[in-house]
Amino acid sequence: MFLCWERAARLGGEVEATGPGPQGRRREFEEVALVHLGALYGAALRLAGNQAEAEDLVQDTALRAYEFFHQFAPGTNCKAWLLRILYRTFLNRRRGVRVTVAYDDDLAPPAGGSLGTTVGNPEEDFLRKATGEEIQRALMVLPEKFRLPVILADLEGLTYREIAEVCGCPVGTVMSRLHRGRAHLREALRELIEPGRSGEWA
């Protein structure tokens, strides 16, 4: 894919490994984390809006995830953990912060693992079936605070608790933003189909 895996492997060799040796750690990372590259790229593309930035985001995310893979708790949701790194990397880029910021405390899994209520809703099936240019354009119109919960819930299938961990906000805030984000997304889609309609982004 677009991931420079050999670079990540060299980076990993400089990090103190726990448990198995570096080869075992690399193999585990490939089996547990790299299977989610497609989901990471989809989320990155919807966040960034262009292929080049999305590819860079995924590569940086994979490098950081490999560097701090010793912090990942086996049995928890690795995709949610990776998406959390992806989002922090995206924010750092937008704020002009170097991506080499320490992730140690920030990326430790929450106590009790990734528990939460599954986000089941009709919009999830709708969005999965309605992928394409119009969905992408509508998502990019959404303010970021609404766009990310919709992506994580309706396209990535994360729970409220996992989305809260990714976004760094309370579960109640996630539920509110998700509800409003879905409403805004429907309005944005209608605006694309029926120009002249307008919505208010609160």
N, C-alpha and C. Protein backbone atom coordinates (compact mmCIF):
# COMPACT_ATOMS: atom_id res chain seq x y z
N MET A 1 0.87 -1.18 0.00
CA MET A 1 0.00 0.00 0.00
C MET A 1 0.90 1.23 0.00
N PHE A 2 0.47 2.36 0.55
CA PHE A 2 1.26 3.58 0.56
C PHE A 2 2.14 3.65 1.81
N LEU A 3 2.03 2.66 2.69
CA LEU A 3 2.78 2.68 3.93
C LEU A 3 4.21 2.26 3.71
N CYS A 4 5.16 3.08 4.16
CA CYS A 4 6.57 2.71 4.11
C CYS A 4 6.87 1.84 5.33
N TRP A 5 6.59 0.53 5.18
CA TRP A 5 6.68 -0.36 6.32
C TRP A 5 8.12 -0.58 6.77
N GLU A 6 9.07 -0.59 5.83
CA GLU A 6 10.47 -0.79 6.21
C GLU A 6 10.94 0.35 7.11
N ARG A 7 10.46 1.56 6.83
CA ARG A 7 10.82 2.69 7.70
C ARG A 7 10.25 2.47 9.09
N ALA A 8 9.02 1.98 9.17
CA ALA A 8 8.41 1.71 10.47
C ALA A 8 9.18 0.62 11.21
N ALA A 9 9.64 -0.39 10.49
CA ALA A 9 10.38 -1.47 11.12
C ALA A 9 11.70 -0.96 11.69
N ARG A 10 12.37 -0.06 10.96
CA ARG A 10 13.62 0.51 11.47
C ARG A 10 13.35 1.34 12.71
N LEU A 11 12.25 2.10 12.69
CA LEU A 11 11.87 2.88 13.86
C LEU A 11 11.62 1.96 15.05
N GLY A 12 10.93 0.87 14.79
CA GLY A 12 10.63 -0.07 15.86
C GLY A 12 11.87 -0.67 16.47
N GLY A 13 12.94 -0.82 15.68
CA GLY A 13 14.17 -1.37 16.20
C GLY A 13 14.83 -0.48 17.22
N GLU A 14 14.47 0.80 17.20
CA GLU A 14 15.06 1.75 18.14
C GLU A 14 14.27 1.85 19.44
N VAL A 15 13.10 1.17 19.48
CA VAL A 15 12.23 1.25 20.65
C VAL A 15 12.39 0.01 21.50
N GLU A 16 12.45 0.15 22.79
CA GLU A 16 12.58 -0.98 23.69
C GLU A 16 11.35 -1.86 23.57
N ALA A 17 11.55 -3.13 23.25
CA ALA A 17 10.42 -4.05 23.08
C ALA A 17 10.16 -4.79 24.38
N THR A 18 8.90 -5.11 24.63
CA THR A 18 8.54 -5.89 25.79
C THR A 18 7.97 -7.20 25.31
N GLY A 19 8.08 -8.24 26.09
CA GLY A 19 7.54 -9.54 25.69
C GLY A 19 8.42 -10.16 24.63
N PRO A 20 7.86 -10.52 23.46
CA PRO A 20 8.63 -11.13 22.39
C PRO A 20 9.69 -10.18 21.87
N GLY A 21 10.66 -10.72 21.11
CA GLY A 21 11.69 -9.90 20.51
C GLY A 21 11.12 -9.03 19.42
N PRO A 22 11.99 -8.18 18.80
CA PRO A 22 11.52 -7.25 17.77
C PRO A 22 10.79 -7.93 16.63
N GLN A 23 11.25 -9.13 16.22
CA GLN A 23 10.58 -9.82 15.12
C GLN A 23 9.17 -10.25 15.51
N GLY A 24 9.04 -10.75 16.74
CA GLY A 24 7.71 -11.14 17.21
C GLY A 24 6.80 -9.95 17.35
N ARG A 25 7.36 -8.83 17.80
CA ARG A 25 6.59 -7.61 17.96
C ARG A 25 6.11 -7.10 16.60
N ARG A 26 7.01 -7.16 15.62
CA ARG A 26 6.65 -6.73 14.28
C ARG A 26 5.55 -7.62 13.71
N ARG A 27 5.68 -8.92 13.89
CA ARG A 27 4.68 -9.85 13.38
C ARG A 27 3.31 -9.61 14.03
N GLU A 28 3.33 -9.37 15.35
CA GLU A 28 2.08 -9.11 16.06
C GLU A 28 1.43 -7.82 15.57
N PHE A 29 2.25 -6.81 15.33
CA PHE A 29 1.72 -5.54 14.84
C PHE A 29 1.08 -5.72 13.47
N GLU A 30 1.73 -6.49 12.62
CA GLU A 30 1.18 -6.74 11.29
C GLU A 30 -0.17 -7.47 11.38
N GLU A 31 -0.26 -8.41 12.30
CA GLU A 31 -1.48 -9.21 12.42
C GLU A 31 -2.62 -8.46 13.11
N VAL A 32 -2.27 -7.61 14.08
CA VAL A 32 -3.30 -6.96 14.90
C VAL A 32 -3.66 -5.56 14.37
N ALA A 33 -2.66 -4.82 13.91
CA ALA A 33 -2.89 -3.42 13.56
C ALA A 33 -2.99 -3.17 12.05
N LEU A 34 -2.10 -3.77 11.28
CA LEU A 34 -2.07 -3.44 9.85
C LEU A 34 -3.30 -3.92 9.10
N VAL A 35 -4.06 -4.82 9.69
CA VAL A 35 -5.30 -5.26 9.04
C VAL A 35 -6.33 -4.12 8.99
N HIS A 36 -6.08 -3.05 9.74
CA HIS A 36 -7.01 -1.92 9.78
C HIS A 36 -6.57 -0.76 8.89
N LEU A 37 -5.57 -0.97 8.04
CA LEU A 37 -5.08 0.12 7.19
C LEU A 37 -6.19 0.68 6.30
N GLY A 38 -7.03 -0.20 5.77
CA GLY A 38 -8.11 0.26 4.90
C GLY A 38 -9.06 1.19 5.64
N ALA A 39 -9.43 0.82 6.86
CA ALA A 39 -10.32 1.66 7.66
C ALA A 39 -9.65 2.98 8.01
N LEU A 40 -8.36 2.94 8.33
CA LEU A 40 -7.63 4.16 8.63
C LEU A 40 -7.61 5.09 7.43
N TYR A 41 -7.35 4.52 6.27
CA TYR A 41 -7.29 5.36 5.07
C TYR A 41 -8.66 5.98 4.76
N GLY A 42 -9.72 5.20 4.90
CA GLY A 42 -11.05 5.74 4.67
C GLY A 42 -11.37 6.89 5.60
N ALA A 43 -11.04 6.72 6.88
CA ALA A 43 -11.29 7.79 7.85
C ALA A 43 -10.42 9.00 7.56
N ALA A 44 -9.15 8.76 7.21
CA ALA A 44 -8.24 9.86 6.91
C ALA A 44 -8.70 10.64 5.69
N LEU A 45 -9.18 9.94 4.67
CA LEU A 45 -9.64 10.61 3.46
C LEU A 45 -10.86 11.48 3.75
N ARG A 46 -11.75 10.97 4.60
CA ARG A 46 -12.95 11.75 4.92
C ARG A 46 -12.63 12.94 5.83
N LEU A 47 -11.59 12.80 6.65
CA LEU A 47 -11.18 13.92 7.49
C LEU A 47 -10.44 14.98 6.69
N ALA A 48 -9.47 14.53 5.89
CA ALA A 48 -8.59 15.46 5.19
C ALA A 48 -9.19 15.98 3.89
N GLY A 49 -9.93 15.12 3.19
CA GLY A 49 -10.56 15.55 1.95
C GLY A 49 -9.72 15.40 0.71
N ASN A 50 -8.48 14.91 0.85
CA ASN A 50 -7.66 14.68 -0.34
C ASN A 50 -6.75 13.48 -0.12
N GLN A 51 -6.40 12.81 -1.20
CA GLN A 51 -5.68 11.55 -1.14
C GLN A 51 -4.28 11.69 -0.58
N ALA A 52 -3.55 12.72 -1.01
CA ALA A 52 -2.16 12.87 -0.58
C ALA A 52 -2.06 13.04 0.94
N GLU A 53 -2.87 13.93 1.50
CA GLU A 53 -2.83 14.14 2.95
C GLU A 53 -3.31 12.90 3.70
N ALA A 54 -4.31 12.22 3.14
CA ALA A 54 -4.81 11.01 3.78
C ALA A 54 -3.71 9.94 3.85
N GLU A 55 -2.96 9.77 2.78
CA GLU A 55 -1.88 8.79 2.77
C GLU A 55 -0.80 9.15 3.77
N ASP A 56 -0.46 10.43 3.84
CA ASP A 56 0.53 10.87 4.82
C ASP A 56 0.04 10.63 6.25
N LEU A 57 -1.23 10.91 6.48
CA LEU A 57 -1.81 10.70 7.81
C LEU A 57 -1.73 9.23 8.22
N VAL A 58 -2.06 8.35 7.29
CA VAL A 58 -2.04 6.92 7.61
C VAL A 58 -0.63 6.45 7.87
N GLN A 59 0.33 6.90 7.08
CA GLN A 59 1.72 6.49 7.30
C GLN A 59 2.22 6.98 8.65
N ASP A 60 1.96 8.26 8.97
CA ASP A 60 2.39 8.79 10.27
C ASP A 60 1.71 8.06 11.41
N THR A 61 0.44 7.74 11.23
CA THR A 61 -0.30 7.00 12.26
C THR A 61 0.30 5.63 12.48
N ALA A 62 0.62 4.93 11.40
CA ALA A 62 1.21 3.60 11.52
C ALA A 62 2.57 3.65 12.20
N LEU A 63 3.35 4.65 11.87
CA LEU A 63 4.67 4.79 12.51
C LEU A 63 4.54 5.04 14.01
N ARG A 64 3.64 5.94 14.38
CA ARG A 64 3.44 6.22 15.79
C ARG A 64 2.85 5.01 16.51
N ALA A 65 1.93 4.34 15.86
CA ALA A 65 1.31 3.16 16.49
C ALA A 65 2.35 2.07 16.71
N TYR A 66 3.25 1.88 15.77
CA TYR A 66 4.28 0.86 15.92
C TYR A 66 5.25 1.24 17.04
N GLU A 67 5.56 2.51 17.11
CA GLU A 67 6.48 2.99 18.15
C GLU A 67 5.91 2.76 19.55
N PHE A 68 4.59 2.92 19.69
CA PHE A 68 3.95 2.81 21.00
C PHE A 68 3.08 1.57 21.13
N PHE A 69 3.35 0.58 20.29
CA PHE A 69 2.52 -0.62 20.30
C PHE A 69 2.60 -1.37 21.62
N HIS A 70 3.69 -1.17 22.36
CA HIS A 70 3.82 -1.82 23.67
C HIS A 70 2.76 -1.32 24.65
N GLN A 71 2.12 -0.18 24.34
CA GLN A 71 1.07 0.36 25.21
C GLN A 71 -0.30 -0.21 24.89
N PHE A 72 -0.45 -0.82 23.72
CA PHE A 72 -1.75 -1.35 23.34
C PHE A 72 -2.10 -2.57 24.19
N ALA A 73 -3.30 -2.60 24.74
CA ALA A 73 -3.74 -3.69 25.59
C ALA A 73 -4.40 -4.77 24.74
N PRO A 74 -3.81 -5.96 24.63
CA PRO A 74 -4.41 -7.05 23.85
C PRO A 74 -5.84 -7.32 24.31
N GLY A 75 -6.72 -7.54 23.35
CA GLY A 75 -8.11 -7.81 23.66
C GLY A 75 -9.00 -6.59 23.58
N THR A 76 -8.41 -5.39 23.52
CA THR A 76 -9.20 -4.18 23.35
C THR A 76 -9.32 -3.88 21.85
N ASN A 77 -10.07 -2.85 21.51
CA ASN A 77 -10.35 -2.53 20.11
C ASN A 77 -9.18 -1.80 19.48
N CYS A 78 -8.41 -2.53 18.67
CA CYS A 78 -7.22 -1.94 18.07
C CYS A 78 -7.60 -0.87 17.04
N LYS A 79 -8.68 -1.07 16.32
CA LYS A 79 -9.08 -0.07 15.33
C LYS A 79 -9.40 1.26 16.02
N ALA A 80 -10.09 1.22 17.15
CA ALA A 80 -10.40 2.45 17.87
C ALA A 80 -9.11 3.12 18.36
N TRP A 81 -8.16 2.31 18.82
CA TRP A 81 -6.87 2.83 19.29
C TRP A 81 -6.14 3.52 18.14
N LEU A 82 -6.14 2.89 16.98
CA LEU A 82 -5.47 3.47 15.81
C LEU A 82 -6.17 4.74 15.34
N LEU A 83 -7.49 4.74 15.35
CA LEU A 83 -8.23 5.92 14.93
C LEU A 83 -7.97 7.09 15.88
N ARG A 84 -7.76 6.78 17.13
CA ARG A 84 -7.43 7.81 18.11
C ARG A 84 -6.10 8.46 17.76
N ILE A 85 -5.10 7.63 17.40
CA ILE A 85 -3.81 8.17 16.99
C ILE A 85 -3.96 8.99 15.71
N LEU A 86 -4.75 8.46 14.78
CA LEU A 86 -4.98 9.15 13.51
C LEU A 86 -5.56 10.54 13.75
N TYR A 87 -6.56 10.63 14.62
CA TYR A 87 -7.20 11.92 14.87
C TYR A 87 -6.25 12.89 15.56
N ARG A 88 -5.48 12.39 16.54
CA ARG A 88 -4.52 13.28 17.20
C ARG A 88 -3.46 13.76 16.20
N THR A 89 -3.05 12.88 15.29
CA THR A 89 -2.07 13.26 14.28
C THR A 89 -2.66 14.31 13.34
N PHE A 90 -3.91 14.12 12.97
CA PHE A 90 -4.61 15.08 12.11
C PHE A 90 -4.68 16.45 12.79
N LEU A 91 -5.06 16.48 14.08
CA LEU A 91 -5.14 17.75 14.80
C LEU A 91 -3.78 18.41 14.92
N ASN A 92 -2.75 17.62 15.20
CA ASN A 92 -1.40 18.17 15.31
C ASN A 92 -0.97 18.83 14.01
N ARG A 93 -1.28 18.18 12.89
CA ARG A 93 -0.94 18.76 11.59
C ARG A 93 -1.67 20.07 11.37
N ARG A 94 -2.95 20.11 11.70
CA ARG A 94 -3.73 21.33 11.49
C ARG A 94 -3.27 22.45 12.40
N ARG A 95 -2.77 22.10 13.56
CA ARG A 95 -2.32 23.13 14.52
C ARG A 95 -0.85 23.47 14.32
N GLY A 96 -0.19 22.78 13.40
CA GLY A 96 1.22 23.05 13.15
C GLY A 96 2.14 22.49 14.21
N VAL A 97 1.65 21.47 14.95
CA VAL A 97 2.47 20.84 15.99
C VAL A 97 3.21 19.66 15.38
N ARG A 98 4.46 19.48 15.74
CA ARG A 98 5.23 18.36 15.21
C ARG A 98 4.61 17.05 15.68
N VAL A 99 4.54 16.08 14.79
CA VAL A 99 3.87 14.82 15.08
C VAL A 99 4.69 13.95 16.01
N THR A 100 5.91 14.37 16.35
CA THR A 100 6.74 13.59 17.25
C THR A 100 6.36 13.81 18.71
N VAL A 101 5.24 14.48 18.96
CA VAL A 101 4.77 14.68 20.32
C VAL A 101 4.60 13.33 21.03
N ALA A 102 4.93 13.29 22.31
CA ALA A 102 4.84 12.02 23.05
C ALA A 102 3.39 11.59 23.18
N TYR A 103 3.15 10.30 22.95
CA TYR A 103 1.80 9.76 23.01
C TYR A 103 1.60 8.88 24.24
N ASP A 104 2.63 8.70 25.05
CA ASP A 104 2.58 7.69 26.10
C ASP A 104 1.32 7.73 26.95
N ASP A 105 1.08 8.85 27.64
CA ASP A 105 -0.08 8.93 28.52
C ASP A 105 -1.37 9.05 27.72
N ASP A 106 -1.29 9.77 26.60
CA ASP A 106 -2.48 10.06 25.82
C ASP A 106 -3.10 8.83 25.19
N LEU A 107 -2.29 7.80 24.92
CA LEU A 107 -2.79 6.67 24.17
C LEU A 107 -2.95 5.41 25.01
N ALA A 108 -2.77 5.52 26.30
CA ALA A 108 -3.01 4.36 27.15
C ALA A 108 -4.49 4.00 27.07
N PRO A 109 -4.83 2.71 26.92
CA PRO A 109 -6.24 2.33 26.80
C PRO A 109 -7.00 2.64 28.08
N PRO A 110 -8.29 2.97 27.99
CA PRO A 110 -9.08 3.28 29.18
C PRO A 110 -9.24 2.07 30.07
N ALA A 111 -9.41 2.30 31.35
CA ALA A 111 -9.58 1.21 32.29
C ALA A 111 -10.80 0.38 31.90
N GLY A 112 -10.63 -0.94 31.92
CA GLY A 112 -11.75 -1.80 31.57
C GLY A 112 -11.88 -2.07 30.10
N GLY A 113 -10.91 -1.57 29.28
CA GLY A 113 -10.97 -1.84 27.86
C GLY A 113 -11.98 -0.95 27.16
N SER A 114 -12.31 -1.34 25.95
CA SER A 114 -13.21 -0.52 25.14
C SER A 114 -14.64 -1.03 25.28
N LEU A 115 -15.28 -0.66 26.37
CA LEU A 115 -16.67 -1.04 26.60
C LEU A 115 -17.55 0.12 26.20
N GLY A 116 -18.78 -0.16 25.86
CA GLY A 116 -19.68 0.93 25.53
C GLY A 116 -20.89 0.40 24.80
N THR A 117 -21.82 1.30 24.54
CA THR A 117 -23.03 0.94 23.83
C THR A 117 -22.78 1.00 22.34
N THR A 118 -23.13 -0.04 21.63
CA THR A 118 -22.95 -0.04 20.19
C THR A 118 -23.84 1.01 19.56
N VAL A 119 -23.29 1.73 18.59
CA VAL A 119 -24.02 2.80 17.94
C VAL A 119 -24.76 2.22 16.74
N GLY A 120 -25.94 1.65 16.96
CA GLY A 120 -26.72 1.10 15.87
C GLY A 120 -27.77 2.12 15.43
N ASN A 121 -27.90 2.33 14.11
CA ASN A 121 -28.83 3.34 13.61
C ASN A 121 -29.05 3.14 12.13
N PRO A 122 -30.18 3.65 11.61
CA PRO A 122 -30.46 3.52 10.17
C PRO A 122 -29.44 4.25 9.31
N GLU A 123 -28.87 5.37 9.83
CA GLU A 123 -27.91 6.12 9.03
C GLU A 123 -26.68 5.31 8.69
N GLU A 124 -26.30 4.36 9.58
CA GLU A 124 -25.11 3.57 9.31
C GLU A 124 -25.25 2.79 8.02
N ASP A 125 -26.38 2.08 7.85
CA ASP A 125 -26.61 1.33 6.63
C ASP A 125 -26.71 2.27 5.43
N PHE A 126 -27.38 3.40 5.64
CA PHE A 126 -27.55 4.35 4.55
C PHE A 126 -26.20 4.86 4.06
N LEU A 127 -25.33 5.27 5.00
CA LEU A 127 -24.04 5.82 4.60
C LEU A 127 -23.15 4.77 3.96
N ARG A 128 -23.21 3.54 4.47
CA ARG A 128 -22.38 2.49 3.88
C ARG A 128 -22.80 2.21 2.43
N LYS A 129 -24.08 2.34 2.16
CA LYS A 129 -24.57 2.08 0.80
C LYS A 129 -24.41 3.32 -0.09
N ALA A 130 -24.40 4.51 0.50
CA ALA A 130 -24.41 5.74 -0.28
C ALA A 130 -23.04 6.38 -0.39
N THR A 131 -21.98 5.58 -0.31
CA THR A 131 -20.64 6.13 -0.44
C THR A 131 -20.44 6.69 -1.84
N GLY A 132 -19.59 7.66 -1.96
CA GLY A 132 -19.34 8.28 -3.25
C GLY A 132 -19.02 9.75 -3.09
N GLU A 133 -18.96 10.43 -4.22
CA GLU A 133 -18.55 11.82 -4.22
C GLU A 133 -19.49 12.71 -3.42
N GLU A 134 -20.79 12.46 -3.51
CA GLU A 134 -21.74 13.31 -2.79
C GLU A 134 -21.61 13.16 -1.28
N ILE A 135 -21.43 11.91 -0.83
CA ILE A 135 -21.24 11.70 0.61
C ILE A 135 -19.97 12.40 1.08
N GLN A 136 -18.87 12.25 0.30
CA GLN A 136 -17.62 12.88 0.69
C GLN A 136 -17.76 14.40 0.72
N ARG A 137 -18.41 14.96 -0.26
CA ARG A 137 -18.60 16.42 -0.30
C ARG A 137 -19.47 16.88 0.87
N ALA A 138 -20.50 16.11 1.17
CA ALA A 138 -21.38 16.47 2.28
C ALA A 138 -20.63 16.40 3.61
N LEU A 139 -19.80 15.37 3.78
CA LEU A 139 -19.02 15.24 5.01
C LEU A 139 -18.06 16.41 5.18
N MET A 140 -17.44 16.86 4.07
CA MET A 140 -16.48 17.94 4.16
C MET A 140 -17.14 19.27 4.50
N VAL A 141 -18.45 19.39 4.24
CA VAL A 141 -19.17 20.61 4.60
C VAL A 141 -19.40 20.67 6.11
N LEU A 142 -19.52 19.51 6.74
CA LEU A 142 -19.77 19.47 8.18
C LEU A 142 -18.61 20.06 8.96
N PRO A 143 -18.88 20.83 10.00
CA PRO A 143 -17.81 21.23 10.91
C PRO A 143 -17.14 20.00 11.49
N GLU A 144 -15.87 20.09 11.77
CA GLU A 144 -15.09 18.93 12.20
C GLU A 144 -15.67 18.26 13.44
N LYS A 145 -16.21 19.05 14.39
CA LYS A 145 -16.70 18.46 15.63
C LYS A 145 -17.91 17.57 15.39
N PHE A 146 -18.62 17.80 14.28
CA PHE A 146 -19.74 16.93 13.91
C PHE A 146 -19.30 15.83 12.93
N ARG A 147 -18.35 16.16 12.06
CA ARG A 147 -17.93 15.23 11.02
C ARG A 147 -17.30 13.98 11.61
N LEU A 148 -16.40 14.16 12.59
CA LEU A 148 -15.68 13.01 13.12
C LEU A 148 -16.59 11.99 13.79
N PRO A 149 -17.53 12.39 14.68
CA PRO A 149 -18.42 11.38 15.27
C PRO A 149 -19.24 10.62 14.24
N VAL A 150 -19.69 11.30 13.18
CA VAL A 150 -20.46 10.62 12.14
C VAL A 150 -19.60 9.59 11.44
N ILE A 151 -18.37 9.95 11.12
CA ILE A 151 -17.45 9.01 10.46
C ILE A 151 -17.21 7.80 11.35
N LEU A 152 -16.91 8.04 12.62
CA LEU A 152 -16.55 6.96 13.52
C LEU A 152 -17.74 6.06 13.84
N ALA A 153 -18.92 6.63 13.96
CA ALA A 153 -20.10 5.84 14.30
C ALA A 153 -20.70 5.13 13.10
N ASP A 154 -20.97 5.90 12.05
CA ASP A 154 -21.74 5.37 10.93
C ASP A 154 -20.90 4.68 9.87
N LEU A 155 -19.62 4.99 9.80
CA LEU A 155 -18.77 4.36 8.80
C LEU A 155 -17.77 3.38 9.41
N GLU A 156 -17.38 3.61 10.66
CA GLU A 156 -16.40 2.72 11.30
C GLU A 156 -17.01 1.83 12.37
N GLY A 157 -18.24 2.09 12.78
CA GLY A 157 -18.93 1.21 13.72
C GLY A 157 -18.43 1.25 15.15
N LEU A 158 -17.83 2.37 15.59
CA LEU A 158 -17.34 2.46 16.95
C LEU A 158 -18.49 2.71 17.93
N THR A 159 -18.27 2.34 19.19
CA THR A 159 -19.26 2.59 20.24
C THR A 159 -19.14 4.04 20.71
N TYR A 160 -20.16 4.49 21.46
CA TYR A 160 -20.11 5.84 22.02
C TYR A 160 -18.86 6.02 22.88
N ARG A 161 -18.56 5.01 23.69
CA ARG A 161 -17.39 5.09 24.57
C ARG A 161 -16.10 5.22 23.75
N GLU A 162 -16.00 4.44 22.69
CA GLU A 162 -14.79 4.49 21.86
C GLU A 162 -14.67 5.83 21.14
N ILE A 163 -15.80 6.35 20.66
CA ILE A 163 -15.77 7.65 20.00
C ILE A 163 -15.36 8.74 20.99
N ALA A 164 -15.85 8.64 22.21
CA ALA A 164 -15.47 9.61 23.24
C ALA A 164 -13.97 9.57 23.50
N GLU A 165 -13.40 8.36 23.50
CA GLU A 165 -11.96 8.23 23.71
C GLU A 165 -11.18 8.83 22.54
N VAL A 166 -11.66 8.62 21.32
CA VAL A 166 -10.99 9.18 20.15
C VAL A 166 -11.05 10.70 20.17
N CYS A 167 -12.24 11.23 20.45
CA CYS A 167 -12.45 12.68 20.39
C CYS A 167 -12.00 13.42 21.64
N GLY A 168 -11.84 12.69 22.74
CA GLY A 168 -11.44 13.33 23.98
C GLY A 168 -12.54 14.17 24.60
N CYS A 169 -13.78 13.65 24.57
CA CYS A 169 -14.91 14.37 25.14
C CYS A 169 -15.85 13.38 25.82
N PRO A 170 -16.77 13.85 26.66
CA PRO A 170 -17.70 12.94 27.35
C PRO A 170 -18.63 12.22 26.38
N VAL A 171 -19.14 11.07 26.81
CA VAL A 171 -20.06 10.29 25.99
C VAL A 171 -21.31 11.11 25.64
N GLY A 172 -21.81 11.89 26.60
CA GLY A 172 -22.98 12.72 26.33
C GLY A 172 -22.74 13.71 25.20
N THR A 173 -21.53 14.26 25.15
CA THR A 173 -21.18 15.18 24.07
C THR A 173 -21.15 14.47 22.74
N VAL A 174 -20.63 13.24 22.74
CA VAL A 174 -20.60 12.44 21.52
C VAL A 174 -22.02 12.22 21.00
N MET A 175 -22.92 11.82 21.90
CA MET A 175 -24.30 11.55 21.49
C MET A 175 -24.96 12.79 20.91
N SER A 176 -24.71 13.94 21.53
CA SER A 176 -25.30 15.19 21.04
C SER A 176 -24.73 15.56 19.68
N ARG A 177 -23.40 15.48 19.54
CA ARG A 177 -22.77 15.85 18.28
C ARG A 177 -23.15 14.88 17.16
N LEU A 178 -23.30 13.61 17.51
CA LEU A 178 -23.67 12.62 16.52
C LEU A 178 -25.08 12.89 16.00
N HIS A 179 -26.00 13.19 16.93
CA HIS A 179 -27.37 13.49 16.53
C HIS A 179 -27.41 14.71 15.61
N ARG A 180 -26.72 15.76 16.01
CA ARG A 180 -26.73 16.98 15.21
C ARG A 180 -25.94 16.81 13.93
N GLY A 181 -24.84 16.03 14.00
CA GLY A 181 -24.04 15.79 12.81
C GLY A 181 -24.81 15.06 11.74
N ARG A 182 -25.61 14.07 12.15
CA ARG A 182 -26.43 13.34 11.18
C ARG A 182 -27.47 14.26 10.55
N ALA A 183 -28.06 15.12 11.36
CA ALA A 183 -29.04 16.06 10.83
C ALA A 183 -28.38 17.01 9.83
N HIS A 184 -27.19 17.51 10.17
CA HIS A 184 -26.47 18.41 9.28
C HIS A 184 -26.06 17.68 8.00
N LEU A 185 -25.69 16.40 8.13
CA LEU A 185 -25.29 15.64 6.95
C LEU A 185 -26.47 15.48 5.99
N ARG A 186 -27.64 15.19 6.54
CA ARG A 186 -28.82 15.08 5.67
C ARG A 186 -29.10 16.41 4.98
N GLU A 187 -28.95 17.52 5.73
CA GLU A 187 -29.18 18.84 5.16
C GLU A 187 -28.14 19.14 4.08
N ALA A 188 -26.89 18.76 4.33
CA ALA A 188 -25.83 18.99 3.34
C ALA A 188 -26.08 18.20 2.07
N LEU A 189 -26.57 16.98 2.22
CA LEU A 189 -26.89 16.16 1.05
C LEU A 189 -28.03 16.78 0.26
N ARG A 190 -29.03 17.28 0.98
CA ARG A 190 -30.14 17.93 0.29
C ARG A 190 -29.67 19.19 -0.43
N GLU A 191 -28.73 19.90 0.18
CA GLU A 191 -28.19 21.12 -0.44
C GLU A 191 -27.44 20.77 -1.72
N LEU A 192 -26.75 19.63 -1.74
CA LEU A 192 -26.05 19.21 -2.95
C LEU A 192 -27.03 18.85 -4.06
N ILE A 193 -28.12 18.23 -3.66
CA ILE A 193 -29.11 17.79 -4.64
C ILE A 193 -30.04 18.93 -5.03
N GLU A 194 -30.36 19.80 -4.06
CA GLU A 194 -31.27 20.92 -4.30
C GLU A 194 -30.57 22.22 -3.91
N PRO A 195 -29.70 22.76 -4.75
CA PRO A 195 -28.96 23.99 -4.42
C PRO A 195 -29.92 25.10 -4.01
N GLY A 196 -29.48 25.89 -3.04
CA GLY A 196 -30.33 26.98 -2.56
C GLY A 196 -30.82 26.75 -1.15
N ARG A 197 -30.86 25.46 -0.73
CA ARG A 197 -31.22 25.18 0.65
C ARG A 197 -30.05 25.52 1.53
N SER A 198 -30.29 25.92 2.74
CA SER A 198 -29.21 26.28 3.65
C SER A 198 -29.50 25.75 5.03
N GLY A 199 -28.43 25.40 5.72
CA GLY A 199 -28.59 24.94 7.09
C GLY A 199 -27.73 25.77 8.02
N GLU A 200 -28.01 25.74 9.28
CA GLU A 200 -27.22 26.47 10.26
C GLU A 200 -26.34 25.50 11.00
N TRP A 201 -25.05 25.82 11.09
CA TRP A 201 -24.09 24.94 11.75
C TRP A 201 -23.79 25.48 13.14
N ALA A 202 -24.48 24.94 14.13
CA ALA A 202 -24.31 25.43 15.50
C ALA A 202 -23.22 24.68 16.19
